[in-house]
PDB file of N, CA and C in Angstrom:
ATOM      1  N   MET A   1    -168.590-104.790  86.713  1.00  0.00           N
ATOM      2  CA  MET A   1    -167.443-104.854  87.607  1.00  0.00           C
ATOM      3  C   MET A   1    -167.903-105.260  89.002  1.00  0.00           C
ATOM      4  N   ALA A   2    -167.041-105.905  89.713  1.00  0.00           N
ATOM      5  CA  ALA A   2    -167.335-106.333  91.080  1.00  0.00           C
ATOM      6  C   ALA A   2    -167.217-105.163  92.042  1.00  0.00           C
ATOM      7  N   GLN A   3    -167.830-105.326  93.192  1.00  0.00           N
ATOM      8  CA  GLN A   3    -167.742-104.324  94.243  1.00  0.00           C
ATOM      9  C   GLN A   3    -167.169-104.985  95.489  1.00  0.00           C
ATOM     10  N   LEU A   4    -166.392-104.221  96.234  1.00  0.00           N
ATOM     11  CA  LEU A   4    -165.824-104.698  97.494  1.00  0.00           C
ATOM     12  C   LEU A   4    -166.340-103.835  98.629  1.00  0.00           C
ATOM     13  N   MET A   5    -166.571-104.471  99.756  1.00  0.00           N
ATOM     14  CA  MET A   5    -166.941-103.723 100.953  1.00  0.00           C
ATOM     15  C   MET A   5    -165.929-104.106 102.031  1.00  0.00           C
ATOM     16  N   VAL A   6    -165.331-103.119 102.616  1.00  0.00           N
ATOM     17  CA  VAL A   6    -164.330-103.359 103.659  1.00  0.00           C
ATOM     18  C   VAL A   6    -164.921-102.878 104.973  1.00  0.00           C
ATOM     19  N   ARG A   7    -164.980-103.773 105.921  1.00  0.00           N
ATOM     20  CA  ARG A   7    -165.583-103.442 107.217  1.00  0.00           C
ATOM     21  C   ARG A   7    -164.509-103.340 108.293  1.00  0.00           C
ATOM     22  N   LYS A   8    -164.877-102.680 109.356  1.00  0.00           N
ATOM     23  CA  LYS A   8    -164.032-102.557 110.551  1.00  0.00           C
ATOM     24  C   LYS A   8    -162.650-101.978 110.229  1.00  0.00           C
ATOM     25  N   VAL A   9    -162.657-100.890 109.484  1.00  0.00           N
ATOM     26  CA  VAL A   9    -161.422-100.180 109.158  1.00  0.00           C
ATOM     27  C   VAL A   9    -161.212 -99.111 110.223  1.00  0.00           C
ATOM     28  N   ALA A  10    -160.029 -99.058 110.780  1.00  0.00           N
ATOM     29  CA  ALA A  10    -159.714 -98.084 111.826  1.00  0.00           C
ATOM     30  C   ALA A  10    -159.908 -96.655 111.307  1.00  0.00           C
ATOM     31  N   ASP A  11    -160.407 -95.801 112.174  1.00  0.00           N
ATOM     32  CA  ASP A  11    -160.654 -94.408 111.802  1.00  0.00           C
ATOM     33  C   ASP A  11    -159.391 -93.724 111.294  1.00  0.00           C
ATOM     34  N   GLU A  12    -158.256 -94.029 111.896  1.00  0.00           N
ATOM     35  CA  GLU A  12    -156.983 -93.419 111.476  1.00  0.00           C
ATOM     36  C   GLU A  12    -156.644 -93.818 110.044  1.00  0.00           C
ATOM     37  N   LEU A  13    -156.946 -95.055 109.678  1.00  0.00           N
ATOM     38  CA  LEU A  13    -156.664 -95.534 108.334  1.00  0.00           C
ATOM     39  C   LEU A  13    -157.563 -94.841 107.313  1.00  0.00           C
ATOM     40  N   VAL A  14    -158.800 -94.665 107.651  1.00  0.00           N
ATOM     41  CA  VAL A  14    -159.730 -93.970 106.760  1.00  0.00           C
ATOM     42  C   VAL A  14    -159.281 -92.524 106.578  1.00  0.00           C
ATOM     43  N   LYS A  15    -158.870 -91.894 107.663  1.00  0.00           N
ATOM     44  CA  LYS A  15    -158.389 -90.506 107.585  1.00  0.00           C
ATOM     45  C   LYS A  15    -157.147 -90.424 106.698  1.00  0.00           C
ATOM     46  N   ALA A  16    -156.225 -91.372 106.866  1.00  0.00           N
ATOM     47  CA  ALA A  16    -155.011 -91.381 106.048  1.00  0.00           C
ATOM     48  C   ALA A  16    -155.348 -91.602 104.568  1.00  0.00           C
ATOM     49  N   LEU A  17    -156.315 -92.464 104.293  1.00  0.00           N
ATOM     50  CA  LEU A  17    -156.737 -92.707 102.913  1.00  0.00           C
ATOM     51  C   LEU A  17    -157.311 -91.436 102.302  1.00  0.00           C
ATOM     52  N   LYS A  18    -158.139 -90.734 103.051  1.00  0.00           N
ATOM     53  CA  LYS A  18    -158.748 -89.501 102.552  1.00  0.00           C
ATOM     54  C   LYS A  18    -157.698 -88.417 102.318  1.00  0.00           C
ATOM     55  N   LEU A  19    -156.719 -88.321 103.202  1.00  0.00           N
ATOM     56  CA  LEU A  19    -155.647 -87.335 103.016  1.00  0.00           C
ATOM     57  C   LEU A  19    -154.810 -87.662 101.784  1.00  0.00           C
ATOM     58  N   ARG A  20    -154.501 -88.949 101.632  1.00  0.00           N
ATOM     59  CA  ARG A  20    -153.717 -89.369 100.462  1.00  0.00           C
ATOM     60  C   ARG A  20    -154.500 -89.105  99.180  1.00  0.00           C
ATOM     61  N   ALA A  21    -155.789 -89.391  99.196  1.00  0.00           N
ATOM     62  CA  ALA A  21    -156.635 -89.146  98.029  1.00  0.00           C
ATOM     63  C   ALA A  21    -156.654 -87.660  97.680  1.00  0.00           C
ATOM     64  N   ALA A  22    -156.767 -86.823  98.690  1.00  0.00           N
ATOM     65  CA  ALA A  22    -156.788 -85.380  98.456  1.00  0.00           C
ATOM     66  C   ALA A  22    -155.480 -84.902  97.833  1.00  0.00           C
ATOM     67  N   LYS A  23    -154.362 -85.460  98.278  1.00  0.00           N
ATOM     68  CA  LYS A  23    -153.062 -85.085  97.707  1.00  0.00           C
ATOM     69  C   LYS A  23    -152.970 -85.436  96.228  1.00  0.00           C
ATOM     70  N   HIS A  24    -153.658 -86.507  95.817  1.00  0.00           N
ATOM     71  CA  HIS A  24    -153.634 -86.947  94.424  1.00  0.00           C
ATOM     72  C   HIS A  24    -154.851 -86.458  93.630  1.00  0.00           C
ATOM     73  N   ASN A  25    -155.648 -85.576  94.262  1.00  0.00           N
ATOM     74  CA  ASN A  25    -156.851 -85.041  93.617  1.00  0.00           C
ATOM     75  C   ASN A  25    -157.794 -86.145  93.149  1.00  0.00           C
ATOM     76  N   ARG A  26    -158.010 -87.130  94.032  1.00  0.00           N
ATOM     77  CA  ARG A  26    -158.898 -88.253  93.727  1.00  0.00           C
ATOM     78  C   ARG A  26    -159.875 -88.428  94.874  1.00  0.00           C
ATOM     79  N   SER A  27    -160.924 -89.173  94.593  1.00  0.00           N
ATOM     80  CA  SER A  27    -161.846 -89.551  95.663  1.00  0.00           C
ATOM     81  C   SER A  27    -161.177 -90.646  96.495  1.00  0.00           C
ATOM     82  N   ALA A  28    -161.669 -90.844  97.702  1.00  0.00           N
ATOM     83  CA  ALA A  28    -161.135 -91.918  98.549  1.00  0.00           C
ATOM     84  C   ALA A  28    -161.357 -93.268  97.880  1.00  0.00           C
ATOM     85  N   GLU A  29    -162.479 -93.418  97.200  1.00  0.00           N
ATOM     86  CA  GLU A  29    -162.774 -94.674  96.506  1.00  0.00           C
ATOM     87  C   GLU A  29    -161.769 -94.931  95.386  1.00  0.00           C
ATOM     88  N   GLN A  30    -161.462 -93.899  94.595  1.00  0.00           N
ATOM     89  CA  GLN A  30    -160.479 -94.053  93.511  1.00  0.00           C
ATOM     90  C   GLN A  30    -159.085 -94.324  94.088  1.00  0.00           C
ATOM     91  N   GLU A  31    -158.753 -93.651  95.166  1.00  0.00           N
ATOM     92  CA  GLU A  31    -157.445 -93.883  95.799  1.00  0.00           C
ATOM     93  C   GLU A  31    -157.341 -95.321  96.289  1.00  0.00           C
ATOM     94  N   HIS A  32    -158.413 -95.834  96.834  1.00  0.00           N
ATOM     95  CA  HIS A  32    -158.453 -97.215  97.299  1.00  0.00           C
ATOM     96  C   HIS A  32    -158.210 -98.166  96.125  1.00  0.00           C
ATOM     97  N   ARG A  33    -158.853 -97.898  94.983  1.00  0.00           N
ATOM     98  CA  ARG A  33    -158.631 -98.734  93.794  1.00  0.00           C
ATOM     99  C   ARG A  33    -157.177 -98.679  93.347  1.00  0.00           C
ATOM    100  N   GLU A  34    -156.602 -97.484  93.357  1.00  0.00           N
ATOM    101  CA  GLU A  34    -155.201 -97.324  92.924  1.00  0.00           C
ATOM    102  C   GLU A  34    -154.256 -98.100  93.842  1.00  0.00           C
ATOM    103  N   ILE A  35    -154.504 -98.033  95.146  1.00  0.00           N
ATOM    104  CA  ILE A  35    -153.666 -98.745  96.115  1.00  0.00           C
ATOM    105  C   ILE A  35    -153.769-100.252  95.898  1.00  0.00           C
ATOM    106  N   LEU A  36    -154.975-100.753  95.722  1.00  0.00           N
ATOM    107  CA  LEU A  36    -155.161-102.189  95.473  1.00  0.00           C
ATOM    108  C   LEU A  36    -154.470-102.619  94.189  1.00  0.00           C
ATOM    109  N   GLN A  37    -154.649-101.842  93.147  1.00  0.00           N
ATOM    110  CA  GLN A  37    -154.040-102.188  91.869  1.00  0.00           C
ATOM    111  C   GLN A  37    -152.511-102.215  91.967  1.00  0.00           C
ATOM    112  N   ALA A  38    -151.932-101.213  92.601  1.00  0.00           N
ATOM    113  CA  ALA A  38    -150.470-101.155  92.747  1.00  0.00           C
ATOM    114  C   ALA A  38    -149.957-102.319  93.593  1.00  0.00           C
ATOM    115  N   ALA A  39    -150.676-102.664  94.638  1.00  0.00           N
ATOM    116  CA  ALA A  39    -150.237-103.749  95.521  1.00  0.00           C
ATOM    117  C   ALA A  39    -150.303-105.092  94.829  1.00  0.00           C
ATOM    118  N   LEU A  40    -151.300-105.293  94.003  1.00  0.00           N
ATOM    119  CA  LEU A  40    -151.482-106.590  93.365  1.00  0.00           C
ATOM    120  C   LEU A  40    -150.735-106.715  92.048  1.00  0.00           C
ATOM    121  N   ARG A  41    -150.370-105.611  91.463  1.00  0.00           N
ATOM    122  CA  ARG A  41    -149.628-105.620  90.205  1.00  0.00           C
ATOM    123  C   ARG A  41    -148.192-106.078  90.445  1.00  0.00           C
ATOM    124  N   GLY A  42    -147.662-105.778  91.614  1.00  0.00           N
ATOM    125  CA  GLY A  42    -146.292-106.146  91.927  1.00  0.00           C
ATOM    126  C   GLY A  42    -145.327-105.074  91.488  1.00  0.00           C
ATOM    127  N   PRO A  43    -144.057-105.294  91.766  1.00  0.00           N
ATOM    128  CA  PRO A  43    -143.065-104.273  91.433  1.00  0.00           C
ATOM    129  C   PRO A  43    -142.902-104.118  89.922  1.00  0.00           C
ATOM    130  N   ARG A  44    -142.650-102.903  89.514  1.00  0.00           N
ATOM    131  CA  ARG A  44    -142.406-102.608  88.102  1.00  0.00           C
ATOM    132  C   ARG A  44    -141.040-103.156  87.707  1.00  0.00           C
ATOM    133  N   ARG A  45    -141.004-103.850  86.590  1.00  0.00           N
ATOM    134  CA  ARG A  45    -139.729-104.392  86.117  1.00  0.00           C
ATOM    135  C   ARG A  45    -138.884-103.273  85.514  1.00  0.00           C
ATOM    136  N   LEU A  46    -137.623-103.283  85.847  1.00  0.00           N
ATOM    137  CA  LEU A  46    -136.716-102.273  85.315  1.00  0.00           C
ATOM    138  C   LEU A  46    -136.166-102.731  83.972  1.00  0.00           C
ATOM    139  N   LEU A  47    -135.989-101.804  83.064  1.00  0.00           N
ATOM    140  CA  LEU A  47    -135.363-102.120  81.787  1.00  0.00           C
ATOM    141  C   LEU A  47    -133.852-102.144  81.976  1.00  0.00           C
ATOM    142  N   LEU A  48    -133.192-103.067  81.301  1.00  0.00           N
ATOM    143  CA  LEU A  48    -131.742-103.181  81.408  1.00  0.00           C
ATOM    144  C   LEU A  48    -131.076-101.858  81.040  1.00  0.00           C
ATOM    145  N   ALA A  49    -131.576-101.196  80.014  1.00  0.00           N
ATOM    146  CA  ALA A  49    -130.988 -99.923  79.592  1.00  0.00           C
ATOM    147  C   ALA A  49    -131.061 -98.888  80.712  1.00  0.00           C
ATOM    148  N   ASP A  50    -132.155 -98.870  81.457  1.00  0.00           N
ATOM    149  CA  ASP A  50    -132.293 -97.919  82.564  1.00  0.00           C
ATOM    150  C   ASP A  50    -131.326 -98.255  83.691  1.00  0.00           C
ATOM    151  N   VAL A  51    -131.150 -99.544  83.979  1.00  0.00           N
ATOM    152  CA  VAL A  51    -130.211 -99.964  85.023  1.00  0.00           C
ATOM    153  C   VAL A  51    -128.793 -99.580  84.631  1.00  0.00           C
ATOM    154  N   LEU A  52    -128.420 -99.852  83.391  1.00  0.00           N
ATOM    155  CA  LEU A  52    -127.068 -99.518  82.925  1.00  0.00           C
ATOM    156  C   LEU A  52    -126.846 -98.008  82.931  1.00  0.00           C
ATOM    157  N   ALA A  53    -127.854 -97.259  82.526  1.00  0.00           N
ATOM    158  CA  ALA A  53    -127.725 -95.795  82.486  1.00  0.00           C
ATOM    159  C   ALA A  53    -127.592 -95.210  83.892  1.00  0.00           C
ATOM    160  N   SER A  54    -128.118 -95.907  84.896  1.00  0.00           N
ATOM    161  CA  SER A  54    -128.051 -95.388  86.260  1.00  0.00           C
ATOM    162  C   SER A  54    -126.726 -95.690  86.954  1.00  0.00           C
ATOM    163  N   MET A  55    -125.897 -96.523  86.334  1.00  0.00           N
ATOM    164  CA  MET A  55    -124.607 -96.864  86.946  1.00  0.00           C
ATOM    165  C   MET A  55    -123.665 -95.666  86.872  1.00  0.00           C
ATOM    166  N   PRO A  56    -122.945 -95.392  87.940  1.00  0.00           N
ATOM    167  CA  PRO A  56    -122.035 -94.240  87.924  1.00  0.00           C
ATOM    168  C   PRO A  56    -120.819 -94.502  87.045  1.00  0.00           C
ATOM    169  N   ASP A  57    -120.254 -93.430  86.528  1.00  0.00           N
ATOM    170  CA  ASP A  57    -119.022 -93.521  85.742  1.00  0.00           C
ATOM    171  C   ASP A  57    -117.872 -93.653  86.737  1.00  0.00           C
ATOM    172  N   VAL A  58    -117.228 -94.807  86.738  1.00  0.00           N
ATOM    173  CA  VAL A  58    -116.191 -95.063  87.742  1.00  0.00           C
ATOM    174  C   VAL A  58    -114.802 -95.215  87.146  1.00  0.00           C
ATOM    175  N   GLY A  59    -114.619 -94.888  85.907  1.00  0.00           N
ATOM    176  CA  GLY A  59    -113.292 -95.000  85.319  1.00  0.00           C
ATOM    177  C   GLY A  59    -113.350 -95.260  83.830  1.00  0.00           C
ATOM    178  N   HIS A  60    -112.185 -95.539  83.291  1.00  0.00           N
ATOM    179  CA  HIS A  60    -112.053 -95.826  81.863  1.00  0.00           C
ATOM    180  C   HIS A  60    -112.050 -97.336  81.651  1.00  0.00           C
ATOM    181  N   ASP A  61    -112.415 -97.750  80.460  1.00  0.00           N
ATOM    182  CA  ASP A  61    -112.451 -99.176  80.147  1.00  0.00           C
ATOM    183  C   ASP A  61    -111.103 -99.843  80.413  1.00  0.00           C
ATOM    184  N   LYS A  62    -110.002 -99.151  80.105  1.00  0.00           N
ATOM    185  CA  LYS A  62    -108.672 -99.746  80.306  1.00  0.00           C
ATOM    186  C   LYS A  62    -108.399-100.026  81.786  1.00  0.00           C
ATOM    187  N   ASP A  63    -109.080 -99.308  82.679  1.00  0.00           N
ATOM    188  CA  ASP A  63    -108.915 -99.547  84.112  1.00  0.00           C
ATOM    189  C   ASP A  63    -109.438-100.923  84.516  1.00  0.00           C
ATOM    190  N   PHE A  64    -110.295-101.483  83.702  1.00  0.00           N
ATOM    191  CA  PHE A  64    -110.919-102.761  84.018  1.00  0.00           C
ATOM    192  C   PHE A  64    -110.432-103.886  83.110  1.00  0.00           C
ATOM    193  N   ALA A  65    -109.359-103.653  82.403  1.00  0.00           N
ATOM    194  CA  ALA A  65    -108.820-104.669  81.504  1.00  0.00           C
ATOM    195  C   ALA A  65    -108.322-105.866  82.318  1.00  0.00           C
ATOM    196  N   ARG A  66    -108.563-107.047  81.787  1.00  0.00           N
ATOM    197  CA  ARG A  66    -108.141-108.270  82.472  1.00  0.00           C
ATOM    198  C   ARG A  66    -106.646-108.458  82.259  1.00  0.00           C
ATOM    199  N   ILE A  67    -105.952-108.709  83.357  1.00  0.00           N
ATOM    200  CA  ILE A  67    -104.504-108.923  83.285  1.00  0.00           C
ATOM    201  C   ILE A  67    -104.263-110.419  83.489  1.00  0.00           C
ATOM    202  N   GLN A  68    -103.596-111.018  82.529  1.00  0.00           N
ATOM    203  CA  GLN A  68    -103.276-112.454  82.613  1.00  0.00           C
ATOM    204  C   GLN A  68    -102.058-112.620  83.515  1.00  0.00           C
ATOM    205  N   LEU A  69    -102.250-113.284  84.672  1.00  0.00           N
ATOM    206  CA  LEU A  69    -101.172-113.444  85.631  1.00  0.00           C
ATOM    207  C   LEU A  69    -100.286-114.657  85.331  1.00  0.00           C
ATOM    208  N   ASP A  70    -100.871-115.712  84.826  1.00  0.00           N
ATOM    209  CA  ASP A  70    -100.036-116.864  84.462  1.00  0.00           C
ATOM    210  C   ASP A  70     -99.769-116.800  82.970  1.00  0.00           C
ATOM    211  N   HIS A  71     -98.873-117.619  82.502  1.00  0.00           N
ATOM    212  CA  HIS A  71     -98.448-117.537  81.104  1.00  0.00           C
ATOM    213  C   HIS A  71     -98.973-118.709  80.313  1.00  0.00           C
ATOM    214  N   ARG A  72    -100.282-118.940  80.427  1.00  0.00           N
ATOM    215  CA  ARG A  72    -100.893-120.017  79.635  1.00  0.00           C
ATOM    216  C   ARG A  72    -101.067-119.546  78.201  1.00  0.00           C
ATOM    217  N   ASP A  73    -101.048-120.471  77.285  1.00  0.00           N
ATOM    218  CA  ASP A  73    -101.267-120.143  75.872  1.00  0.00           C
ATOM    219  C   ASP A  73    -102.697-120.364  75.488  1.00  0.00           C
TER     220      ASP A  73
END
């Protein structure tokens, strides 16, 4: 595996990384890997079923029935 070295990192950033790592019970190095992986992986795609399940119940199906206004055949 490759190794990365990051130089000239602000002390506040290093402190924040260490605090975040401690909250997740990880080393600062592992936390750094997790942050890089999450940033480069991109957003998680949502499943259509999850999106539909998260929609609020706003009425009955008949409330959304299409009403034909003109009298076309």
